[in-house]
Amino acid sequence: GLGLALAAASPAGNRTHVPLDRWLSALVGCAAAAAALALAGLRRPPGR
């Protein structure tokens, strides 16, 4: 799967800076996803 990801990644383009409005949505989305996954895990007993 890694090989496929590298083949499809097209690493040509390497933009250095990102506009603030895009960062805001990314930060909110990541915080929500991490919090939801963490809460789901903490509600379960020790295990897989």
ModelCIF file with pLDDT and N, C-alpha, C, O atoms, coordinates in Angstrom:
data_MODEL
#
_entry.id   MODEL 
#
_entity.id                         1 
_entity.type                       polymer 
_entity.pdbx_number_of_molecules   1 
#
_entity_poly.entity_id                      1 
_entity_poly.type                           'polypeptide(L)' 
_entity_poly.nstd_linkage                   no 
_entity_poly.nstd_monomer                   no 
_entity_poly.pdbx_seq_one_letter_code       GLGLALAAASPAGNRTHVPLDRWLSALVGCAAAAAALALAGLRRPPGR 
_entity_poly.pdbx_seq_one_letter_code_can   GLGLALAAASPAGNRTHVPLDRWLSALVGCAAAAAALALAGLRRPPGR 
_entity_poly.pdbx_strand_id                 A 
#
loop_
_entity_poly_seq.entity_id 
_entity_poly_seq.num 
_entity_poly_seq.mon_id 
_entity_poly_seq.hetero 
1 1  GLY n 
1 2  LEU n 
1 3  GLY n 
1 4  LEU n 
1 5  ALA n 
1 6  LEU n 
1 7  ALA n 
1 8  ALA n 
1 9  ALA n 
1 10 SER n 
1 11 PRO n 
1 12 ALA n 
1 13 GLY n 
1 14 ASN n 
1 15 ARG n 
1 16 THR n 
1 17 HIS n 
1 18 VAL n 
1 19 PRO n 
1 20 LEU n 
1 21 ASP n 
1 22 ARG n 
1 23 TRP n 
1 24 LEU n 
1 25 SER n 
1 26 ALA n 
1 27 LEU n 
1 28 VAL n 
1 29 GLY n 
1 30 CYS n 
1 31 ALA n 
1 32 ALA n 
1 33 ALA n 
1 34 ALA n 
1 35 ALA n 
1 36 ALA n 
1 37 LEU n 
1 38 ALA n 
1 39 LEU n 
1 40 ALA n 
1 41 GLY n 
1 42 LEU n 
1 43 ARG n 
1 44 ARG n 
1 45 PRO n 
1 46 PRO n 
1 47 GLY n 
1 48 ARG n 
#
_struct_asym.id          A 
_struct_asym.entity_id   1 
#
loop_
_ma_qa_metric.id 
_ma_qa_metric.mode 
_ma_qa_metric.name 
_ma_qa_metric.software_group_id 
_ma_qa_metric.type 
1 global pLDDT . pLDDT 
2 local  pLDDT . pLDDT 
#
_ma_qa_metric_global.metric_id      1 
_ma_qa_metric_global.metric_value   78.50 
_ma_qa_metric_global.model_id       1 
_ma_qa_metric_global.ordinal_id     1 
#
loop_
_ma_qa_metric_local.label_asym_id 
_ma_qa_metric_local.label_comp_id 
_ma_qa_metric_local.label_seq_id 
_ma_qa_metric_local.metric_id 
_ma_qa_metric_local.metric_value 
_ma_qa_metric_local.model_id 
_ma_qa_metric_local.ordinal_id 
A GLY 1  2 73.00 1 1  
A LEU 2  2 63.00 1 2  
A GLY 3  2 61.00 1 3  
A LEU 4  2 69.00 1 4  
A ALA 5  2 63.00 1 5  
A LEU 6  2 55.00 1 6  
A ALA 7  2 57.00 1 7  
A ALA 8  2 63.00 1 8  
A ALA 9  2 55.00 1 9  
A SER 10 2 50.00 1 10 
A PRO 11 2 47.00 1 11 
A ALA 12 2 51.00 1 12 
A GLY 13 2 50.00 1 13 
A ASN 14 2 49.00 1 14 
A ARG 15 2 53.00 1 15 
A THR 16 2 54.00 1 16 
A HIS 17 2 67.00 1 17 
A VAL 18 2 76.00 1 18 
A PRO 19 2 80.00 1 19 
A LEU 20 2 83.00 1 20 
A ASP 21 2 83.00 1 21 
A ARG 22 2 85.00 1 22 
A TRP 23 2 90.00 1 23 
A LEU 24 2 90.00 1 24 
A SER 25 2 89.00 1 25 
A ALA 26 2 90.00 1 26 
A LEU 27 2 92.00 1 27 
A VAL 28 2 93.00 1 28 
A GLY 29 2 92.00 1 29 
A CYS 30 2 93.00 1 30 
A ALA 31 2 94.00 1 31 
A ALA 32 2 95.00 1 32 
A ALA 33 2 94.00 1 33 
A ALA 34 2 94.00 1 34 
A ALA 35 2 94.00 1 35 
A ALA 36 2 95.00 1 36 
A LEU 37 2 94.00 1 37 
A ALA 38 2 93.00 1 38 
A LEU 39 2 94.00 1 39 
A ALA 40 2 93.00 1 40 
A GLY 41 2 92.00 1 41 
A LEU 42 2 89.00 1 42 
A ARG 43 2 90.00 1 43 
A ARG 44 2 90.00 1 44 
A PRO 45 2 88.00 1 45 
A PRO 46 2 86.00 1 46 
A GLY 47 2 88.00 1 47 
A ARG 48 2 89.00 1 48 
#
loop_
_atom_site.group_PDB 
_atom_site.id 
_atom_site.type_symbol 
_atom_site.label_atom_id 
_atom_site.label_alt_id 
_atom_site.label_comp_id 
_atom_site.label_asym_id 
_atom_site.label_entity_id 
_atom_site.label_seq_id 
_atom_site.pdbx_PDB_ins_code 
_atom_site.Cartn_x 
_atom_site.Cartn_y 
_atom_site.Cartn_z 
_atom_site.occupancy 
_atom_site.B_iso_or_equiv 
_atom_site.pdbx_formal_charge 
_atom_site.auth_seq_id 
_atom_site.auth_comp_id 
_atom_site.auth_asym_id 
_atom_site.auth_atom_id 
_atom_site.pdbx_PDB_model_num 
ATOM 1   N N  . GLY A 1 1  ? 0.823   -1.216 0.000  1.00 73.00 ? 1  GLY A N  1 
ATOM 2   C CA . GLY A 1 1  ? 0.000   0.000  0.000  1.00 73.00 ? 1  GLY A CA 1 
ATOM 3   C C  . GLY A 1 1  ? 0.846   1.251  0.000  1.00 73.00 ? 1  GLY A C  1 
ATOM 4   O O  . GLY A 1 1  ? 0.488   2.260  -0.608 1.00 73.00 ? 1  GLY A O  1 
ATOM 5   N N  . LEU A 1 2  ? 1.982   1.179  0.692  1.00 63.00 ? 2  LEU A N  1 
ATOM 6   C CA . LEU A 1 2  ? 2.902   2.313  0.701  1.00 63.00 ? 2  LEU A CA 1 
ATOM 7   C C  . LEU A 1 2  ? 3.414   2.617  -0.698 1.00 63.00 ? 2  LEU A C  1 
ATOM 8   O O  . LEU A 1 2  ? 3.504   3.778  -1.099 1.00 63.00 ? 2  LEU A O  1 
ATOM 9   N N  . GLY A 1 3  ? 3.749   1.568  -1.435 1.00 61.00 ? 3  GLY A N  1 
ATOM 10  C CA . GLY A 1 3  ? 4.218   1.779  -2.799 1.00 61.00 ? 3  GLY A CA 1 
ATOM 11  C C  . GLY A 1 3  ? 3.178   2.464  -3.665 1.00 61.00 ? 3  GLY A C  1 
ATOM 12  O O  . GLY A 1 3  ? 3.505   3.352  -4.452 1.00 61.00 ? 3  GLY A O  1 
ATOM 13  N N  . LEU A 1 4  ? 1.929   2.055  -3.522 1.00 69.00 ? 4  LEU A N  1 
ATOM 14  C CA . LEU A 1 4  ? 0.853   2.696  -4.272 1.00 69.00 ? 4  LEU A CA 1 
ATOM 15  C C  . LEU A 1 4  ? 0.692   4.157  -3.858 1.00 69.00 ? 4  LEU A C  1 
ATOM 16  O O  . LEU A 1 4  ? 0.468   5.029  -4.698 1.00 69.00 ? 4  LEU A O  1 
ATOM 17  N N  . ALA A 1 5  ? 0.811   4.414  -2.550 1.00 63.00 ? 5  ALA A N  1 
ATOM 18  C CA . ALA A 1 5  ? 0.677   5.785  -2.071 1.00 63.00 ? 5  ALA A CA 1 
ATOM 19  C C  . ALA A 1 5  ? 1.775   6.671  -2.647 1.00 63.00 ? 5  ALA A C  1 
ATOM 20  O O  . ALA A 1 5  ? 1.520   7.811  -3.034 1.00 63.00 ? 5  ALA A O  1 
ATOM 21  N N  . LEU A 1 6  ? 2.991   6.148  -2.703 1.00 55.00 ? 6  LEU A N  1 
ATOM 22  C CA . LEU A 1 6  ? 4.093   6.923  -3.256 1.00 55.00 ? 6  LEU A CA 1 
ATOM 23  C C  . LEU A 1 6  ? 3.898   7.181  -4.746 1.00 55.00 ? 6  LEU A C  1 
ATOM 24  O O  . LEU A 1 6  ? 4.218   8.256  -5.253 1.00 55.00 ? 6  LEU A O  1 
ATOM 25  N N  . ALA A 1 7  ? 3.366   6.172  -5.436 1.00 57.00 ? 7  ALA A N  1 
ATOM 26  C CA . ALA A 1 7  ? 3.153   6.329  -6.875 1.00 57.00 ? 7  ALA A CA 1 
ATOM 27  C C  . ALA A 1 7  ? 2.084   7.371  -7.166 1.00 57.00 ? 7  ALA A C  1 
ATOM 28  O O  . ALA A 1 7  ? 2.166   8.095  -8.158 1.00 57.00 ? 7  ALA A O  1 
ATOM 29  N N  . ALA A 1 8  ? 1.079   7.443  -6.295 1.00 63.00 ? 8  ALA A N  1 
ATOM 30  C CA . ALA A 1 8  ? -0.041  8.366  -6.522 1.00 63.00 ? 8  ALA A CA 1 
ATOM 31  C C  . ALA A 1 8  ? 0.188   9.735  -5.902 1.00 63.00 ? 8  ALA A C  1 
ATOM 32  O O  . ALA A 1 8  ? -0.585  10.663 -6.135 1.00 63.00 ? 8  ALA A O  1 
ATOM 33  N N  . ALA A 1 9  ? 1.269   9.864  -5.100 1.00 55.00 ? 9  ALA A N  1 
ATOM 34  C CA . ALA A 1 9  ? 1.444   11.098 -4.339 1.00 55.00 ? 9  ALA A CA 1 
ATOM 35  C C  . ALA A 1 9  ? 1.832   12.278 -5.205 1.00 55.00 ? 9  ALA A C  1 
ATOM 36  O O  . ALA A 1 9  ? 1.523   13.422 -4.871 1.00 55.00 ? 9  ALA A O  1 
ATOM 37  N N  . SER A 1 10 ? 2.510   12.012 -6.320 1.00 50.00 ? 10 SER A N  1 
ATOM 38  C CA . SER A 1 10 ? 2.985   13.086 -7.194 1.00 50.00 ? 10 SER A CA 1 
ATOM 39  C C  . SER A 1 10 ? 3.725   14.163 -6.409 1.00 50.00 ? 10 SER A C  1 
ATOM 40  O O  . SER A 1 10 ? 3.222   15.277 -6.268 1.00 50.00 ? 10 SER A O  1 
ATOM 41  N N  . PRO A 1 11 ? 4.909   13.845 -5.897 1.00 47.00 ? 11 PRO A N  1 
ATOM 42  C CA . PRO A 1 11 ? 5.590   14.772 -5.023 1.00 47.00 ? 11 PRO A CA 1 
ATOM 43  C C  . PRO A 1 11 ? 6.174   16.008 -5.680 1.00 47.00 ? 11 PRO A C  1 
ATOM 44  O O  . PRO A 1 11 ? 6.923   16.742 -5.035 1.00 47.00 ? 11 PRO A O  1 
ATOM 45  N N  . ALA A 1 12 ? 5.859   16.261 -6.935 1.00 51.00 ? 12 ALA A N  1 
ATOM 46  C CA . ALA A 1 12 ? 6.342   17.480 -7.584 1.00 51.00 ? 12 ALA A CA 1 
ATOM 47  C C  . ALA A 1 12 ? 5.769   18.698 -6.951 1.00 51.00 ? 12 ALA A C  1 
ATOM 48  O O  . ALA A 1 12 ? 5.252   17.893 -6.177 1.00 51.00 ? 12 ALA A O  1 
ATOM 49  N N  . GLY A 1 13 ? 5.461   19.565 -6.634 1.00 50.00 ? 13 GLY A N  1 
ATOM 50  C CA . GLY A 1 13 ? 4.839   20.627 -5.926 1.00 50.00 ? 13 GLY A CA 1 
ATOM 51  C C  . GLY A 1 13 ? 5.111   20.565 -4.474 1.00 50.00 ? 13 GLY A C  1 
ATOM 52  O O  . GLY A 1 13 ? 4.766   19.583 -3.817 1.00 50.00 ? 13 GLY A O  1 
ATOM 53  N N  . ASN A 1 14 ? 5.729   21.598 -3.940 1.00 49.00 ? 14 ASN A N  1 
ATOM 54  C CA . ASN A 1 14 ? 6.116   21.603 -2.532 1.00 49.00 ? 14 ASN A CA 1 
ATOM 55  C C  . ASN A 1 14 ? 5.852   22.980 -1.935 1.00 49.00 ? 14 ASN A C  1 
ATOM 56  O O  . ASN A 1 14 ? 6.774   23.707 -1.567 1.00 49.00 ? 14 ASN A O  1 
ATOM 57  N N  . ARG A 1 15 ? 4.595   23.308 -1.852 1.00 53.00 ? 15 ARG A N  1 
ATOM 58  C CA . ARG A 1 15 ? 4.224   24.622 -1.362 1.00 53.00 ? 15 ARG A CA 1 
ATOM 59  C C  . ARG A 1 15 ? 4.673   24.803 0.080  1.00 53.00 ? 15 ARG A C  1 
ATOM 60  O O  . ARG A 1 15 ? 4.449   23.924 0.912  1.00 53.00 ? 15 ARG A O  1 
ATOM 61  N N  . THR A 1 16 ? 5.302   25.927 0.387  1.00 54.00 ? 16 THR A N  1 
ATOM 62  C CA . THR A 1 16 ? 5.862   26.108 1.729  1.00 54.00 ? 16 THR A CA 1 
ATOM 63  C C  . THR A 1 16 ? 4.890   26.706 2.722  1.00 54.00 ? 16 THR A C  1 
ATOM 64  O O  . THR A 1 16 ? 4.839   26.245 3.863  1.00 54.00 ? 16 THR A O  1 
ATOM 65  N N  . HIS A 1 17 ? 4.121   27.706 2.347  1.00 67.00 ? 17 HIS A N  1 
ATOM 66  C CA . HIS A 1 17 ? 3.255   28.396 3.297  1.00 67.00 ? 17 HIS A CA 1 
ATOM 67  C C  . HIS A 1 17 ? 1.787   28.185 2.935  1.00 67.00 ? 17 HIS A C  1 
ATOM 68  O O  . HIS A 1 17 ? 1.425   28.086 1.763  1.00 67.00 ? 17 HIS A O  1 
ATOM 69  N N  . VAL A 1 18 ? 0.967   28.122 3.957  1.00 76.00 ? 18 VAL A N  1 
ATOM 70  C CA . VAL A 1 18 ? -0.468  27.846 3.793  1.00 76.00 ? 18 VAL A CA 1 
ATOM 71  C C  . VAL A 1 18 ? -1.251  29.027 4.344  1.00 76.00 ? 18 VAL A C  1 
ATOM 72  O O  . VAL A 1 18 ? -0.914  29.533 5.414  1.00 76.00 ? 18 VAL A O  1 
ATOM 73  N N  . PRO A 1 19 ? -2.293  29.482 3.641  1.00 80.00 ? 19 PRO A N  1 
ATOM 74  C CA . PRO A 1 19 ? -3.108  30.589 4.148  1.00 80.00 ? 19 PRO A CA 1 
ATOM 75  C C  . PRO A 1 19 ? -3.759  30.252 5.489  1.00 80.00 ? 19 PRO A C  1 
ATOM 76  O O  . PRO A 1 19 ? -4.060  29.093 5.776  1.00 80.00 ? 19 PRO A O  1 
ATOM 77  N N  . LEU A 1 20 ? -3.970  31.290 6.306  1.00 83.00 ? 20 LEU A N  1 
ATOM 78  C CA . LEU A 1 20 ? -4.493  31.099 7.659  1.00 83.00 ? 20 LEU A CA 1 
ATOM 79  C C  . LEU A 1 20 ? -5.894  30.499 7.656  1.00 83.00 ? 20 LEU A C  1 
ATOM 80  O O  . LEU A 1 20 ? -6.221  29.698 8.531  1.00 83.00 ? 20 LEU A O  1 
ATOM 81  N N  . ASP A 1 21 ? -6.734  30.877 6.676  1.00 83.00 ? 21 ASP A N  1 
ATOM 82  C CA . ASP A 1 21 ? -8.103  30.358 6.676  1.00 83.00 ? 21 ASP A CA 1 
ATOM 83  C C  . ASP A 1 21 ? -8.127  28.844 6.493  1.00 83.00 ? 21 ASP A C  1 
ATOM 84  O O  . ASP A 1 21 ? -8.992  28.164 7.046  1.00 83.00 ? 21 ASP A O  1 
ATOM 85  N N  . ARG A 1 22 ? -7.181  28.314 5.720  1.00 85.00 ? 22 ARG A N  1 
ATOM 86  C CA . ARG A 1 22 ? -7.113  26.862 5.560  1.00 85.00 ? 22 ARG A CA 1 
ATOM 87  C C  . ARG A 1 22 ? -6.610  26.194 6.832  1.00 85.00 ? 22 ARG A C  1 
ATOM 88  O O  . ARG A 1 22 ? -7.046  25.098 7.184  1.00 85.00 ? 22 ARG A O  1 
ATOM 89  N N  . TRP A 1 23 ? -5.696  26.860 7.512  1.00 90.00 ? 23 TRP A N  1 
ATOM 90  C CA . TRP A 1 23 ? -5.199  26.305 8.772  1.00 90.00 ? 23 TRP A CA 1 
ATOM 91  C C  . TRP A 1 23 ? -6.303  26.219 9.815  1.00 90.00 ? 23 TRP A C  1 
ATOM 92  O O  . TRP A 1 23 ? -6.359  25.256 10.579 1.00 90.00 ? 23 TRP A O  1 
ATOM 93  N N  . LEU A 1 24 ? -7.181  27.217 9.856  1.00 90.00 ? 24 LEU A N  1 
ATOM 94  C CA . LEU A 1 24 ? -8.236  27.217 10.866 1.00 90.00 ? 24 LEU A CA 1 
ATOM 95  C C  . LEU A 1 24 ? -9.153  26.007 10.724 1.00 90.00 ? 24 LEU A C  1 
ATOM 96  O O  . LEU A 1 24 ? -9.471  25.343 11.710 1.00 90.00 ? 24 LEU A O  1 
ATOM 97  N N  . SER A 1 25 ? -9.571  25.726 9.506  1.00 89.00 ? 25 SER A N  1 
ATOM 98  C CA . SER A 1 25 ? -10.439 24.570 9.299  1.00 89.00 ? 25 SER A CA 1 
ATOM 99  C C  . SER A 1 25 ? -9.696  23.268 9.578  1.00 89.00 ? 25 SER A C  1 
ATOM 100 O O  . SER A 1 25 ? -10.281 22.316 10.095 1.00 89.00 ? 25 SER A O  1 
ATOM 101 N N  . ALA A 1 26 ? -8.414  23.224 9.238  1.00 90.00 ? 26 ALA A N  1 
ATOM 102 C CA . ALA A 1 26 ? -7.627  22.017 9.498  1.00 90.00 ? 26 ALA A CA 1 
ATOM 103 C C  . ALA A 1 26 ? -7.452  21.782 10.992 1.00 90.00 ? 26 ALA A C  1 
ATOM 104 O O  . ALA A 1 26 ? -7.560  20.648 11.459 1.00 90.00 ? 26 ALA A O  1 
ATOM 105 N N  . LEU A 1 27 ? -7.181  22.847 11.745 1.00 92.00 ? 27 LEU A N  1 
ATOM 106 C CA . LEU A 1 27 ? -6.995  22.721 13.190 1.00 92.00 ? 27 LEU A CA 1 
ATOM 107 C C  . LEU A 1 27 ? -8.270  22.249 13.872 1.00 92.00 ? 27 LEU A C  1 
ATOM 108 O O  . LEU A 1 27 ? -8.235  21.382 14.745 1.00 92.00 ? 27 LEU A O  1 
ATOM 109 N N  . VAL A 1 28 ? -9.395  22.826 13.468 1.00 93.00 ? 28 VAL A N  1 
ATOM 110 C CA . VAL A 1 28 ? -10.667 22.425 14.067 1.00 93.00 ? 28 VAL A CA 1 
ATOM 111 C C  . VAL A 1 28 ? -10.982 20.971 13.733 1.00 93.00 ? 28 VAL A C  1 
ATOM 112 O O  . VAL A 1 28 ? -11.386 20.202 14.606 1.00 93.00 ? 28 VAL A O  1 
ATOM 113 N N  . GLY A 1 29 ? -10.799 20.599 12.482 1.00 92.00 ? 29 GLY A N  1 
ATOM 114 C CA . GLY A 1 29 ? -11.079 19.226 12.070 1.00 92.00 ? 29 GLY A CA 1 
ATOM 115 C C  . GLY A 1 29 ? -10.199 18.208 12.780 1.00 92.00 ? 29 GLY A C  1 
ATOM 116 O O  . GLY A 1 29 ? -10.687 17.167 13.220 1.00 92.00 ? 29 GLY A O  1 
ATOM 117 N N  . CYS A 1 30 ? -8.901  18.499 12.895 1.00 93.00 ? 30 CYS A N  1 
ATOM 118 C CA . CYS A 1 30 ? -7.986  17.578 13.569 1.00 93.00 ? 30 CYS A CA 1 
ATOM 119 C C  . CYS A 1 30 ? -8.305  17.469 15.051 1.00 93.00 ? 30 CYS A C  1 
ATOM 120 O O  . CYS A 1 30 ? -8.276  16.375 15.615 1.00 93.00 ? 30 CYS A O  1 
ATOM 121 N N  . ALA A 1 31 ? -8.610  18.599 15.686 1.00 94.00 ? 31 ALA A N  1 
ATOM 122 C CA . ALA A 1 31 ? -8.943  18.571 17.109 1.00 94.00 ? 31 ALA A CA 1 
ATOM 123 C C  . ALA A 1 31 ? -10.194 17.739 17.356 1.00 94.00 ? 31 ALA A C  1 
ATOM 124 O O  . ALA A 1 31 ? -10.252 16.965 18.311 1.00 94.00 ? 31 ALA A O  1 
ATOM 125 N N  . ALA A 1 32 ? -11.199 17.899 16.490 1.00 95.00 ? 32 ALA A N  1 
ATOM 126 C CA . ALA A 1 32 ? -12.435 17.138 16.645 1.00 95.00 ? 32 ALA A CA 1 
ATOM 127 C C  . ALA A 1 32 ? -12.201 15.644 16.434 1.00 95.00 ? 32 ALA A C  1 
ATOM 128 O O  . ALA A 1 32 ? -12.715 14.820 17.189 1.00 95.00 ? 32 ALA A O  1 
ATOM 129 N N  . ALA A 1 33 ? -11.420 15.295 15.400 1.00 94.00 ? 33 ALA A N  1 
ATOM 130 C CA . ALA A 1 33 ? -11.153 13.883 15.115 1.00 94.00 ? 33 ALA A CA 1 
ATOM 131 C C  . ALA A 1 33 ? -10.355 13.237 16.241 1.00 94.00 ? 33 ALA A C  1 
ATOM 132 O O  . ALA A 1 33 ? -10.676 12.133 16.680 1.00 94.00 ? 33 ALA A O  1 
ATOM 133 N N  . ALA A 1 34 ? -9.301  13.933 16.714 1.00 94.00 ? 34 ALA A N  1 
ATOM 134 C CA . ALA A 1 34 ? -8.473  13.375 17.787 1.00 94.00 ? 34 ALA A CA 1 
ATOM 135 C C  . ALA A 1 34 ? -9.270  13.217 19.072 1.00 94.00 ? 34 ALA A C  1 
ATOM 136 O O  . ALA A 1 34 ? -9.147  12.205 19.761 1.00 94.00 ? 34 ALA A O  1 
ATOM 137 N N  . ALA A 1 35 ? -10.092 14.222 19.399 1.00 94.00 ? 35 ALA A N  1 
ATOM 138 C CA . ALA A 1 35 ? -10.890 14.147 20.625 1.00 94.00 ? 35 ALA A CA 1 
ATOM 139 C C  . ALA A 1 35 ? -11.905 13.007 20.559 1.00 94.00 ? 35 ALA A C  1 
ATOM 140 O O  . ALA A 1 35 ? -12.087 12.277 21.534 1.00 94.00 ? 35 ALA A O  1 
ATOM 141 N N  . ALA A 1 36 ? -12.564 12.854 19.414 1.00 95.00 ? 36 ALA A N  1 
ATOM 142 C CA . ALA A 1 36 ? -13.558 11.784 19.270 1.00 95.00 ? 36 ALA A CA 1 
ATOM 143 C C  . ALA A 1 36 ? -12.920 10.406 19.394 1.00 95.00 ? 36 ALA A C  1 
ATOM 144 O O  . ALA A 1 36 ? -13.462 9.526  20.063 1.00 95.00 ? 36 ALA A O  1 
ATOM 145 N N  . LEU A 1 37 ? -11.773 10.216 18.755 1.00 94.00 ? 37 LEU A N  1 
ATOM 146 C CA . LEU A 1 37 ? -11.091 8.928  18.823 1.00 94.00 ? 37 LEU A CA 1 
ATOM 147 C C  . LEU A 1 37 ? -10.567 8.646  20.226 1.00 94.00 ? 37 LEU A C  1 
ATOM 148 O O  . LEU A 1 37 ? -10.647 7.517  20.709 1.00 94.00 ? 37 LEU A O  1 
ATOM 149 N N  . ALA A 1 38 ? -10.022 9.692  20.890 1.00 93.00 ? 38 ALA A N  1 
ATOM 150 C CA . ALA A 1 38 ? -9.515  9.511  22.248 1.00 93.00 ? 38 ALA A CA 1 
ATOM 151 C C  . ALA A 1 38 ? -10.635 9.148  23.214 1.00 93.00 ? 38 ALA A C  1 
ATOM 152 O O  . ALA A 1 38 ? -10.473 8.255  24.046 1.00 93.00 ? 38 ALA A O  1 
ATOM 153 N N  . LEU A 1 39 ? -11.770 9.836  23.109 1.00 94.00 ? 39 LEU A N  1 
ATOM 154 C CA . LEU A 1 39 ? -12.895 9.534  23.987 1.00 94.00 ? 39 LEU A CA 1 
ATOM 155 C C  . LEU A 1 39 ? -13.428 8.128  23.738 1.00 94.00 ? 39 LEU A C  1 
ATOM 156 O O  . LEU A 1 39 ? -13.779 7.411  24.675 1.00 94.00 ? 39 LEU A O  1 
ATOM 157 N N  . ALA A 1 40 ? -13.485 7.739  22.460 1.00 93.00 ? 40 ALA A N  1 
ATOM 158 C CA . ALA A 1 40 ? -13.943 6.386  22.135 1.00 93.00 ? 40 ALA A CA 1 
ATOM 159 C C  . ALA A 1 40 ? -13.019 5.340  22.737 1.00 93.00 ? 40 ALA A C  1 
ATOM 160 O O  . ALA A 1 40 ? -13.480 4.303  23.214 1.00 93.00 ? 40 ALA A O  1 
ATOM 161 N N  . GLY A 1 41 ? -11.723 5.604  22.717 1.00 92.00 ? 41 GLY A N  1 
ATOM 162 C CA . GLY A 1 41 ? -10.776 4.656  23.287 1.00 92.00 ? 41 GLY A CA 1 
ATOM 163 C C  . GLY A 1 41 ? -10.838 4.595  24.801 1.00 92.00 ? 41 GLY A C  1 
ATOM 164 O O  . GLY A 1 41 ? -10.794 3.510  25.383 1.00 92.00 ? 41 GLY A O  1 
ATOM 165 N N  . LEU A 1 42 ? -10.939 5.748  25.444 1.00 89.00 ? 42 LEU A N  1 
ATOM 166 C CA . LEU A 1 42 ? -10.944 5.795  26.900 1.00 89.00 ? 42 LEU A CA 1 
ATOM 167 C C  . LEU A 1 42 ? -12.203 5.176  27.492 1.00 89.00 ? 42 LEU A C  1 
ATOM 168 O O  . LEU A 1 42 ? -12.208 4.774  28.656 1.00 89.00 ? 42 LEU A O  1 
ATOM 169 N N  . ARG A 1 43 ? -13.267 5.095  26.704 1.00 90.00 ? 43 ARG A N  1 
ATOM 170 C CA . ARG A 1 43 ? -14.501 4.484  27.193 1.00 90.00 ? 43 ARG A CA 1 
ATOM 171 C C  . ARG A 1 43 ? -14.472 2.961  27.124 1.00 90.00 ? 43 ARG A C  1 
ATOM 172 O O  . ARG A 1 43 ? -15.368 2.291  27.638 1.00 90.00 ? 43 ARG A O  1 
ATOM 173 N N  . ARG A 1 44 ? -13.448 2.426  26.494 1.00 90.00 ? 44 ARG A N  1 
ATOM 174 C CA . ARG A 1 44 ? -13.339 0.977  26.361 1.00 90.00 ? 44 ARG A CA 1 
ATOM 175 C C  . ARG A 1 44 ? -12.356 0.415  27.383 1.00 90.00 ? 44 ARG A C  1 
ATOM 176 O O  . ARG A 1 44 ? -11.435 1.117  27.800 1.00 90.00 ? 44 ARG A O  1 
ATOM 177 N N  . PRO A 1 45 ? -12.536 -0.834 27.789 1.00 88.00 ? 45 PRO A N  1 
ATOM 178 C CA . PRO A 1 45 ? -11.586 -1.452 28.719 1.00 88.00 ? 45 PRO A CA 1 
ATOM 179 C C  . PRO A 1 45 ? -10.250 -1.689 28.027 1.00 88.00 ? 45 PRO A C  1 
ATOM 180 O O  . PRO A 1 45 ? -10.179 -1.669 26.799 1.00 88.00 ? 45 PRO A O  1 
ATOM 181 N N  . PRO A 1 46 ? -9.179  -1.916 28.808 1.00 86.00 ? 46 PRO A N  1 
ATOM 182 C CA . PRO A 1 46 ? -7.870  -2.203 28.197 1.00 86.00 ? 46 PRO A CA 1 
ATOM 183 C C  . PRO A 1 46 ? -7.961  -3.373 27.223 1.00 86.00 ? 46 PRO A C  1 
ATOM 184 O O  . PRO A 1 46 ? -8.540  -4.414 27.534 1.00 86.00 ? 46 PRO A O  1 
ATOM 185 N N  . GLY A 1 47 ? -7.389  -3.188 26.057 1.00 88.00 ? 47 GLY A N  1 
ATOM 186 C CA . GLY A 1 47 ? -7.444  -4.209 25.024 1.00 88.00 ? 47 GLY A CA 1 
ATOM 187 C C  . GLY A 1 47 ? -7.179  -3.603 23.664 1.00 88.00 ? 47 GLY A C  1 
ATOM 188 O O  . GLY A 1 47 ? -6.708  -2.471 23.557 1.00 88.00 ? 47 GLY A O  1 
ATOM 189 N N  . ARG A 1 48 ? -7.484  -4.361 22.626 1.00 89.00 ? 48 ARG A N  1 
ATOM 190 C CA . ARG A 1 48 ? -7.146  -3.934 21.271 1.00 89.00 ? 48 ARG A CA 1 
ATOM 191 C C  . ARG A 1 48 ? -7.958  -2.735 20.805 1.00 89.00 ? 48 ARG A C  1 
ATOM 192 O O  . ARG A 1 48 ? -7.778  -2.268 19.680 1.00 89.00 ? 48 ARG A O  1 
#
